Amino acid sequence: MLNVLIAGRMRGLAGQMTRQTGRLPRLARRSRAFDAALVLALALIGARYVTIISGVDWTGSVLLVPLASVPLALRRRFPLAVLWTVMTVTPLIRNSSQDIAFYAGAVCIVAAYSAVAHCRHPMPTLLSLPVTAAVQVILFTNAKLPHFPNGVIAVLVLVPVFAAAYEIRMWRRRVDEGHARLSIMERRQVEALNRAVEHERARIARELHDVVTHNVGVMVIQAGAARKIMDTAPHEAREALLAVETGGRAAMTELRHVMGLLTMDTDSPDTEAPADLTPQPGLNRLDALIGGVRHAGMPIALTVTGNERPVPPGVELAAYRVVQEALTNTVKHASGATANVVVDYAADHLRVEVTDTGGRPSTTLSSGRGRGLIGLRERLSLYDGTLDAGPRPSGGYRVKALIPLETP
């Protein structure tokens, strides 16, 4: 059982050593070129040291000296495996020559630095450091270094190298974390921008729907009525056509206002006329709105109750759109009905209620898909308002909106 456990641990350690634990930097070609130049330089130095050794045995392990630095070419991808390979090979080439000892020690130090700087498995790396120090002691054992003990040399050389490698590792981690945070922030900014664009598109779609649906719907009703009575009552047909013209002008004015907000460009040299800064319609224009629908043949009563006072422009526009959409639906779905509009200025809220007595659907207008009421709910939600729409128990339909207001 113990042998199986030990074998499993050894396989795990071997897997960590051979796994691609390092991550190449962005300048991968430059890094590979640097590693290749480093290996070539160390190999040439090792070959030079071998050629100047007197009485060398060319059949011995001295031939491994130029090849000891070759594993360093993979020091970024497999740093731990390279370290153990170098620690295995370098003791085999130790020689009484001081130059060979320094060369082998330099190769081992580069491998140890690479393991600390690039390996992502800290525990095997920490366990390898004492072994690296021991290898350094072995390398300098037979070297002619009379002034310093071998262990002191190994510590003096390895400690600053390990410290520098650790600091570089932490710096690289901080840089990676900074890049990751920056990427997350950029992604969130893009998502927020996309959401803002979608919200703006929805808002513009609501405005265009409210403007076009109401005015065009009333114009179609009036044009149809004029066509039917053109031969029998030309005077009334003329009035209906004048109402169509008035509704068309009102629709063009509101559309020009909405499109002006979209295309406003103060930096453009071609912009000569000032932007249309006419305020959006509010509760003060309910009379004109109701008058236009009355011209289409629908009796409408307007009742204003409570302490009438100024309200925020956005709330006024929302209340106006509620009345506009409700009357448009009445024209479309309840031809021949009578409508009643109530605007109540309560102490803490504004109540807008539109009811009708019911009728038959108009044959000249499509029924729609209910997008108008959905847009009203979205609009009112911006001001914490609510919308209640549905059939009345006594017949007809009711649209009721409640918008909170500040207490006067």
Protein backbone atom coordinates (compact mmCIF):
# COMPACT_ATOMS: atom_id res chain seq x y z
CA MET A 1 0.00 0.00 0.00
CA LEU A 2 2.85 2.37 0.88
CA ASN A 3 4.64 1.55 -2.37
CA VAL A 4 1.50 2.35 -4.35
CA LEU A 5 1.13 5.68 -2.52
CA ILE A 6 4.77 6.60 -3.10
CA ALA A 7 4.50 5.62 -6.76
CA GLY A 8 1.40 7.80 -7.15
CA ARG A 9 3.15 10.77 -5.54
CA MET A 10 6.15 10.29 -7.83
CA ARG A 11 3.93 10.15 -10.91
CA GLY A 12 2.20 13.35 -9.78
CA LEU A 13 5.55 15.06 -9.26
CA ALA A 14 6.74 13.90 -12.67
CA GLY A 15 3.55 15.21 -14.24
CA GLN A 16 4.07 18.61 -12.66
CA MET A 17 7.65 18.66 -13.87
CA THR A 18 6.78 17.85 -17.50
CA ARG A 19 3.59 19.91 -17.67
CA GLN A 20 3.75 23.18 -19.56
CA THR A 21 3.84 25.33 -16.43
CA GLY A 22 5.18 28.54 -17.84
CA ARG A 23 3.34 31.04 -20.00
CA LEU A 24 5.18 32.69 -22.81
CA PRO A 25 5.08 36.50 -22.77
CA ARG A 26 3.46 38.45 -25.55
CA LEU A 27 6.76 38.90 -27.43
CA ALA A 28 7.16 35.17 -27.91
CA ARG A 29 9.59 35.39 -30.84
CA ARG A 30 11.87 37.76 -28.99
CA SER A 31 11.84 35.53 -25.92
CA ARG A 32 12.65 32.43 -27.94
CA ALA A 33 15.45 34.27 -29.73
CA PHE A 34 16.88 35.41 -26.38
CA ASP A 35 16.78 31.85 -24.98
CA ALA A 36 18.45 30.49 -28.12
CA ALA A 37 21.18 33.12 -27.92
CA LEU A 38 21.69 32.34 -24.22
CA VAL A 39 22.05 28.61 -24.91
CA LEU A 40 24.45 29.23 -27.78
CA ALA A 41 26.57 31.61 -25.73
CA LEU A 42 26.82 29.21 -22.78
CA ALA A 43 27.58 26.29 -25.10
CA LEU A 44 30.41 28.25 -26.75
CA ILE A 45 31.80 29.21 -23.34
CA GLY A 46 31.68 25.59 -22.23
CA ALA A 47 33.38 24.44 -25.40
CA ARG A 48 36.07 27.08 -24.92
CA TYR A 49 36.75 25.91 -21.35
CA VAL A 50 37.05 22.30 -22.53
CA THR A 51 39.62 23.15 -25.18
CA ILE A 52 41.93 24.95 -22.73
CA ILE A 53 41.95 22.12 -20.15
CA SER A 54 45.30 20.37 -20.22
CA GLY A 55 45.31 16.59 -20.28
CA VAL A 56 41.57 16.29 -20.87
CA ASP A 57 40.07 12.84 -21.36
CA TRP A 58 37.91 13.24 -24.45
CA THR A 59 36.16 9.93 -23.78
CA GLY A 60 34.89 11.06 -20.38
CA SER A 61 32.01 13.21 -19.22
CA VAL A 62 33.84 16.40 -20.24
CA LEU A 63 32.10 16.07 -23.62
CA LEU A 64 28.84 16.93 -21.82
CA VAL A 65 30.09 20.40 -20.93
CA PRO A 66 28.89 22.20 -24.12
CA LEU A 67 25.59 20.27 -23.99
CA ALA A 68 24.73 21.14 -20.38
CA SER A 69 23.10 24.42 -21.39
CA VAL A 70 20.89 22.95 -24.14
CA PRO A 71 17.86 22.26 -21.84
CA LEU A 72 17.71 26.00 -21.06
CA ALA A 73 16.04 26.51 -24.45
CA LEU A 74 12.83 25.20 -22.84
CA ARG A 75 13.21 27.03 -19.54
CA ARG A 76 10.02 29.11 -20.04
CA ARG A 77 7.75 26.22 -20.98
CA PHE A 78 9.04 23.47 -18.71
CA PRO A 79 11.00 25.33 -16.00
CA LEU A 80 10.86 22.62 -13.33
CA ALA A 81 11.81 19.79 -15.70
CA VAL A 82 14.70 21.90 -17.04
CA LEU A 83 15.93 22.57 -13.50
CA TRP A 84 16.03 18.90 -12.56
CA THR A 85 17.65 17.97 -15.86
CA VAL A 86 20.37 20.56 -15.33
CA MET A 87 20.89 19.48 -11.70
CA THR A 88 21.32 15.91 -12.93
CA VAL A 89 23.76 16.72 -15.71
CA THR A 90 25.97 19.39 -14.17
CA PRO A 91 27.43 17.23 -11.35
CA LEU A 92 28.64 14.81 -14.04
CA ILE A 93 30.83 17.47 -15.65
CA ARG A 94 32.47 18.81 -12.49
CA ASN A 95 36.19 19.14 -12.91
CA SER A 96 39.11 20.50 -10.96
CA SER A 97 39.07 23.47 -13.29
CA GLN A 98 37.68 26.59 -11.68
CA ASP A 99 36.28 27.72 -15.06
CA ILE A 100 34.28 24.50 -15.53
CA ALA A 101 32.88 24.85 -11.99
CA PHE A 102 31.76 28.41 -12.61
CA TYR A 103 30.27 27.44 -15.99
CA ALA A 104 28.29 24.54 -14.52
CA GLY A 105 27.19 26.73 -11.60
CA ALA A 106 26.02 29.45 -13.99
CA VAL A 107 23.90 26.94 -15.96
CA CYS A 108 22.37 25.65 -12.74
CA ILE A 109 21.65 29.19 -11.47
CA VAL A 110 19.88 30.12 -14.73
CA ALA A 111 17.75 26.99 -14.47
CA ALA A 112 16.92 27.74 -10.81
CA TYR A 113 16.01 31.33 -11.66
CA SER A 114 13.73 30.12 -14.46
CA ALA A 115 11.97 27.67 -12.13
CA VAL A 116 11.27 30.33 -9.51
CA ALA A 117 10.20 32.94 -12.08
CA HIS A 118 8.05 30.80 -14.39
CA CYS A 119 6.90 27.64 -12.61
CA ARG A 120 3.26 27.63 -11.47
CA HIS A 121 3.71 24.86 -8.92
CA PRO A 122 5.30 26.55 -5.89
CA MET A 123 5.63 23.48 -3.66
CA PRO A 124 7.81 21.37 -6.03
CA THR A 125 9.84 24.50 -6.75
CA LEU A 126 10.48 25.16 -3.05
CA LEU A 127 11.49 21.54 -2.55
CA SER A 128 13.94 21.86 -5.44
CA LEU A 129 15.77 24.87 -4.01
CA PRO A 130 17.71 22.98 -1.28
CA VAL A 131 18.68 20.40 -3.89
CA THR A 132 19.93 23.21 -6.11
CA ALA A 133 22.06 24.56 -3.25
CA ALA A 134 23.46 21.06 -2.67
CA VAL A 135 24.34 20.75 -6.35
CA GLN A 136 26.17 24.05 -6.15
CA VAL A 137 28.22 22.75 -3.22
CA ILE A 138 29.06 19.62 -5.22
CA LEU A 139 30.11 21.67 -8.23
CA PHE A 140 32.57 23.72 -6.20
CA THR A 141 33.92 20.85 -4.09
CA ASN A 142 36.93 20.06 -6.29
CA ALA A 143 37.33 23.55 -7.69
CA LYS A 144 40.40 25.51 -6.67
CA LEU A 145 38.66 28.15 -4.53
CA PRO A 146 40.80 28.53 -1.40
CA HIS A 147 39.30 31.70 0.01
CA PHE A 148 35.61 30.87 0.54
CA PRO A 149 33.87 27.75 1.85
CA ASN A 150 31.77 26.05 -0.79
CA GLY A 151 28.49 26.38 1.12
CA VAL A 152 28.99 30.13 1.56
CA ILE A 153 29.53 30.55 -2.15
CA ALA A 154 26.36 28.61 -2.96
CA VAL A 155 24.29 30.70 -0.52
CA LEU A 156 25.80 34.00 -1.62
CA VAL A 157 25.04 33.20 -5.24
CA LEU A 158 21.61 31.55 -4.94
CA VAL A 159 19.90 33.80 -2.40
CA PRO A 160 19.94 37.02 -4.47
CA VAL A 161 19.06 35.04 -7.58
CA PHE A 162 16.04 33.49 -5.87
CA ALA A 163 15.02 36.86 -4.46
CA ALA A 164 15.24 38.53 -7.86
CA ALA A 165 13.32 35.70 -9.53
CA TYR A 166 10.60 35.87 -6.86
CA GLU A 167 10.22 39.64 -7.27
CA ILE A 168 10.00 39.29 -11.03
CA ARG A 169 7.39 36.57 -10.59
CA MET A 170 5.29 38.79 -8.29
CA TRP A 171 5.67 41.74 -10.65
CA ARG A 172 4.50 39.60 -13.58
CA ARG A 173 1.53 38.40 -11.54
CA ARG A 174 0.58 41.97 -10.66
CA VAL A 175 0.85 42.97 -14.31
CA ASP A 176 -1.35 40.04 -15.35
CA GLU A 177 -3.90 40.90 -12.68
CA GLY A 178 -3.87 44.52 -13.84
CA HIS A 179 -4.44 43.43 -17.43
CA ALA A 180 -7.25 41.13 -16.30
CA ARG A 181 -8.93 43.93 -14.35
CA LEU A 182 -8.51 46.27 -17.29
CA SER A 183 -10.08 43.70 -19.62
CA ILE A 184 -13.00 43.24 -17.22
CA MET A 185 -13.51 47.01 -16.97
CA GLU A 186 -13.38 47.39 -20.75
CA ARG A 187 -15.86 44.55 -21.18
CA ARG A 188 -18.19 46.09 -18.60
CA GLN A 189 -17.92 49.47 -20.28
CA VAL A 190 -18.82 47.92 -23.63
CA GLU A 191 -21.77 46.11 -22.04
CA ALA A 192 -22.92 49.32 -20.34
CA LEU A 193 -22.61 51.20 -23.63
CA ASN A 194 -24.62 48.52 -25.42
CA ARG A 195 -27.29 48.66 -22.73
CA ALA A 196 -27.40 52.44 -22.98
CA VAL A 197 -27.77 52.19 -26.76
CA GLU A 198 -30.58 49.65 -26.39
CA HIS A 199 -32.34 51.84 -23.83
CA GLU A 200 -32.00 54.86 -26.09
CA ARG A 201 -33.32 52.92 -29.04
CA ALA A 202 -36.29 51.78 -26.96
CA ARG A 203 -36.94 55.35 -25.81
CA ILE A 204 -36.81 56.67 -29.38
CA ALA A 205 -39.06 53.83 -30.53
CA ARG A 206 -41.59 54.78 -27.84
CA GLU A 207 -41.52 58.42 -28.89
CA LEU A 208 -41.95 57.59 -32.58
CA HIS A 209 -44.72 55.13 -31.78
CA ASP A 210 -46.62 57.67 -29.70
CA VAL A 211 -46.24 60.44 -32.27
CA VAL A 212 -46.95 58.44 -35.40
CA THR A 213 -49.66 56.11 -34.11
CA HIS A 214 -51.85 58.81 -32.63
CA ASN A 215 -51.57 61.47 -35.31
CA VAL A 216 -51.67 59.11 -38.26
CA GLY A 217 -54.54 57.15 -36.71
CA VAL A 218 -56.63 60.29 -36.28
CA MET A 219 -55.70 61.43 -39.79
CA VAL A 220 -56.83 58.11 -41.27
CA ILE A 221 -60.17 58.34 -39.45
CA GLN A 222 -60.74 61.89 -40.63
CA ALA A 223 -59.65 61.15 -44.19
CA GLY A 224 -62.02 58.17 -44.31
CA ALA A 225 -64.89 60.30 -43.02
CA ALA A 226 -64.13 63.01 -45.60
CA ARG A 227 -64.15 60.46 -48.40
CA LYS A 228 -67.58 59.17 -47.38
CA ILE A 229 -69.25 62.60 -47.18
CA MET A 230 -67.34 64.34 -49.96
CA ASP A 231 -70.28 64.23 -52.39
CA THR A 232 -73.14 64.74 -49.94
CA ALA A 233 -71.60 67.25 -47.51
CA PRO A 234 -68.58 68.94 -49.13
CA HIS A 235 -68.40 71.59 -46.40
CA GLU A 236 -68.00 68.97 -43.66
CA ALA A 237 -65.56 67.03 -45.84
CA ARG A 238 -63.50 70.20 -46.23
CA GLU A 239 -63.37 70.60 -42.43
CA ALA A 240 -62.31 66.98 -42.05
CA LEU A 241 -59.52 67.51 -44.58
CA LEU A 242 -58.43 70.64 -42.74
CA ALA A 243 -58.27 68.52 -39.56
CA VAL A 244 -56.14 65.98 -41.46
CA GLU A 245 -53.81 68.80 -42.52
CA THR A 246 -53.62 70.09 -38.94
CA GLY A 247 -52.88 66.61 -37.60
CA GLY A 248 -50.21 66.09 -40.25
CA ARG A 249 -48.52 69.36 -39.35
CA ALA A 250 -48.60 68.43 -35.66
CA ALA A 251 -47.12 65.01 -36.47
CA MET A 252 -44.38 66.59 -38.60
CA THR A 253 -43.55 69.04 -35.82
CA GLU A 254 -43.15 66.30 -33.24
CA LEU A 255 -41.24 64.06 -35.64
CA ARG A 256 -38.92 66.95 -36.50
CA HIS A 257 -38.33 67.49 -32.80
CA VAL A 258 -37.48 63.83 -32.19
CA MET A 259 -35.26 63.55 -35.26
CA GLY A 260 -33.56 66.83 -34.34
CA LEU A 261 -32.49 65.32 -31.05
CA LEU A 262 -30.97 62.39 -32.93
CA THR A 263 -29.11 64.39 -35.57
CA MET A 264 -28.07 67.41 -33.48
CA ASP A 265 -24.43 68.17 -34.38
CA THR A 266 -23.19 71.54 -33.21
CA ASP A 267 -19.71 70.88 -34.62
CA SER A 268 -20.91 70.41 -38.20
CA PRO A 269 -20.07 73.39 -40.44
CA ASP A 270 -23.14 72.66 -42.57
CA THR A 271 -25.54 73.29 -39.69
CA GLU A 272 -26.85 76.79 -40.23
CA ALA A 273 -30.30 76.69 -38.62
CA PRO A 274 -30.45 76.36 -34.84
CA ALA A 275 -31.76 73.12 -33.39
CA ASP A 276 -35.46 72.90 -32.64
CA LEU A 277 -35.60 73.42 -28.90
CA THR A 278 -39.38 73.39 -28.63
CA PRO A 279 -40.31 71.68 -25.36
CA GLN A 280 -41.96 68.29 -25.44
CA PRO A 281 -45.74 68.25 -25.08
CA GLY A 282 -47.15 68.29 -21.56
CA LEU A 283 -50.40 68.55 -19.67
CA ASN A 284 -50.89 72.10 -20.93
CA ARG A 285 -51.47 70.68 -24.42
CA LEU A 286 -54.18 68.21 -23.47
CA ASP A 287 -56.86 70.55 -24.80
CA ALA A 288 -55.26 70.54 -28.26
CA LEU A 289 -54.83 66.78 -28.14
CA ILE A 290 -58.44 66.17 -27.15
CA GLY A 291 -59.66 68.74 -29.66
CA GLY A 292 -57.97 66.85 -32.48
CA VAL A 293 -59.67 63.61 -31.47
CA ARG A 294 -63.01 65.40 -31.18
CA HIS A 295 -62.65 66.52 -34.79
CA ALA A 296 -62.46 62.84 -35.67
CA GLY A 297 -65.99 62.46 -34.34
CA MET A 298 -65.44 61.13 -30.81
CA PRO A 299 -67.04 62.99 -27.86
CA ILE A 300 -64.46 63.47 -25.08
CA ALA A 301 -64.80 65.11 -21.68
CA LEU A 302 -61.76 66.46 -19.80
CA THR A 303 -61.82 66.83 -16.01
CA VAL A 304 -58.95 68.30 -13.97
CA THR A 305 -59.17 67.98 -10.16
CA GLY A 306 -56.93 68.71 -7.20
CA ASN A 307 -54.38 71.42 -6.61
CA GLU A 308 -53.03 71.99 -10.11
CA ARG A 309 -49.31 72.75 -9.93
CA PRO A 310 -46.14 72.41 -12.03
CA VAL A 311 -44.68 68.90 -12.27
CA PRO A 312 -41.32 67.74 -13.69
CA PRO A 313 -41.15 67.82 -17.52
CA GLY A 314 -40.57 64.07 -17.74
CA VAL A 315 -43.66 63.37 -15.65
CA GLU A 316 -45.72 65.78 -17.76
CA LEU A 317 -44.60 64.07 -20.96
CA ALA A 318 -45.39 60.63 -19.51
CA ALA A 319 -48.88 61.77 -18.47
CA TYR A 320 -49.48 63.31 -21.89
CA ARG A 321 -48.41 60.08 -23.62
CA VAL A 322 -50.80 58.08 -21.42
CA VAL A 323 -53.74 60.19 -22.57
CA GLN A 324 -52.51 60.12 -26.16
CA GLU A 325 -52.09 56.34 -26.28
CA ALA A 326 -55.39 55.69 -24.51
CA LEU A 327 -57.34 57.92 -26.91
CA THR A 328 -55.55 56.36 -29.88
CA ASN A 329 -56.61 52.91 -28.72
CA THR A 330 -60.16 54.18 -28.23
CA VAL A 331 -60.21 55.49 -31.80
CA LYS A 332 -58.89 52.18 -33.09
CA HIS A 333 -60.85 49.71 -30.98
CA ALA A 334 -64.02 51.57 -29.90
CA SER A 335 -65.36 53.52 -32.84
CA GLY A 336 -68.51 55.40 -31.82
CA ALA A 337 -67.66 55.39 -28.10
CA THR A 338 -67.59 58.30 -25.68
CA ALA A 339 -64.37 58.94 -23.74
CA ASN A 340 -63.62 60.64 -20.46
CA VAL A 341 -60.20 61.96 -19.39
CA VAL A 342 -59.45 62.69 -15.71
CA VAL A 343 -56.28 64.37 -14.44
CA ASP A 344 -56.10 64.42 -10.64
CA TYR A 345 -53.37 66.37 -8.81
CA ALA A 346 -53.28 64.53 -5.47
CA ALA A 347 -51.02 65.45 -2.57
CA ASP A 348 -48.37 62.83 -3.30
CA HIS A 349 -49.15 61.56 -6.80
CA LEU A 350 -50.60 62.42 -10.19
CA ARG A 351 -53.48 60.28 -11.43
CA VAL A 352 -54.32 60.13 -15.12
CA GLU A 353 -57.35 58.05 -16.07
CA VAL A 354 -58.93 57.57 -19.50
CA THR A 355 -62.15 55.59 -19.87
CA ASP A 356 -64.48 54.89 -22.77
CA THR A 357 -67.94 53.40 -23.11
CA GLY A 358 -66.94 50.78 -25.64
CA GLY A 359 -67.70 50.45 -29.34
CA ARG A 360 -66.78 48.55 -32.44
CA PRO A 361 -63.21 48.19 -33.86
CA SER A 362 -62.32 50.58 -36.62
CA THR A 363 -62.23 49.02 -40.10
CA THR A 364 -59.62 51.48 -41.36
CA LEU A 365 -56.98 50.91 -38.67
CA SER A 366 -55.06 47.80 -37.74
CA SER A 367 -55.43 46.42 -34.23
CA GLY A 368 -51.72 46.60 -33.39
CA ARG A 369 -49.74 44.37 -31.06
CA GLY A 370 -50.10 46.13 -27.71
CA ARG A 371 -46.66 47.70 -27.95
CA GLY A 372 -48.05 51.09 -26.91
CA LEU A 373 -49.11 49.95 -23.43
CA ILE A 374 -45.79 48.16 -22.94
CA GLY A 375 -43.97 51.37 -23.85
CA LEU A 376 -46.12 53.32 -21.40
CA ARG A 377 -45.24 50.94 -18.56
CA GLU A 378 -41.54 51.28 -19.40
CA ARG A 379 -41.86 55.06 -19.51
CA LEU A 380 -43.75 55.27 -16.21
CA SER A 381 -41.32 52.92 -14.48
CA LEU A 382 -38.63 55.60 -14.89
CA TYR A 383 -40.61 57.73 -12.43
CA ASP A 384 -41.75 54.82 -10.20
CA GLY A 385 -45.19 55.10 -11.76
CA THR A 386 -47.66 52.29 -12.47
CA LEU A 387 -50.14 51.63 -15.26
CA ASP A 388 -53.37 49.67 -14.96
CA ALA A 389 -55.24 48.91 -18.19
CA GLY A 390 -58.17 46.59 -18.79
CA PRO A 391 -61.90 46.26 -19.50
CA ARG A 392 -64.41 47.96 -17.21
CA PRO A 393 -67.08 45.88 -15.45
CA SER A 394 -69.79 48.13 -16.91
CA GLY A 395 -68.38 47.95 -20.40
CA GLY A 396 -65.68 49.79 -22.27
CA TYR A 397 -62.02 50.13 -21.35
CA ARG A 398 -59.99 51.98 -18.74
CA VAL A 399 -56.37 53.12 -18.64
CA LYS A 400 -55.15 54.41 -15.30
CA ALA A 401 -51.68 55.76 -14.46
CA LEU A 402 -50.33 56.76 -11.05
CA ILE A 403 -47.11 58.77 -10.89
CA PRO A 404 -45.57 59.74 -7.50
CA LEU A 405 -45.03 63.45 -6.89
CA GLU A 406 -43.26 65.41 -4.22
CA THR A 407 -45.56 66.69 -1.50
CA PRO A 408 -46.14 70.44 -2.01
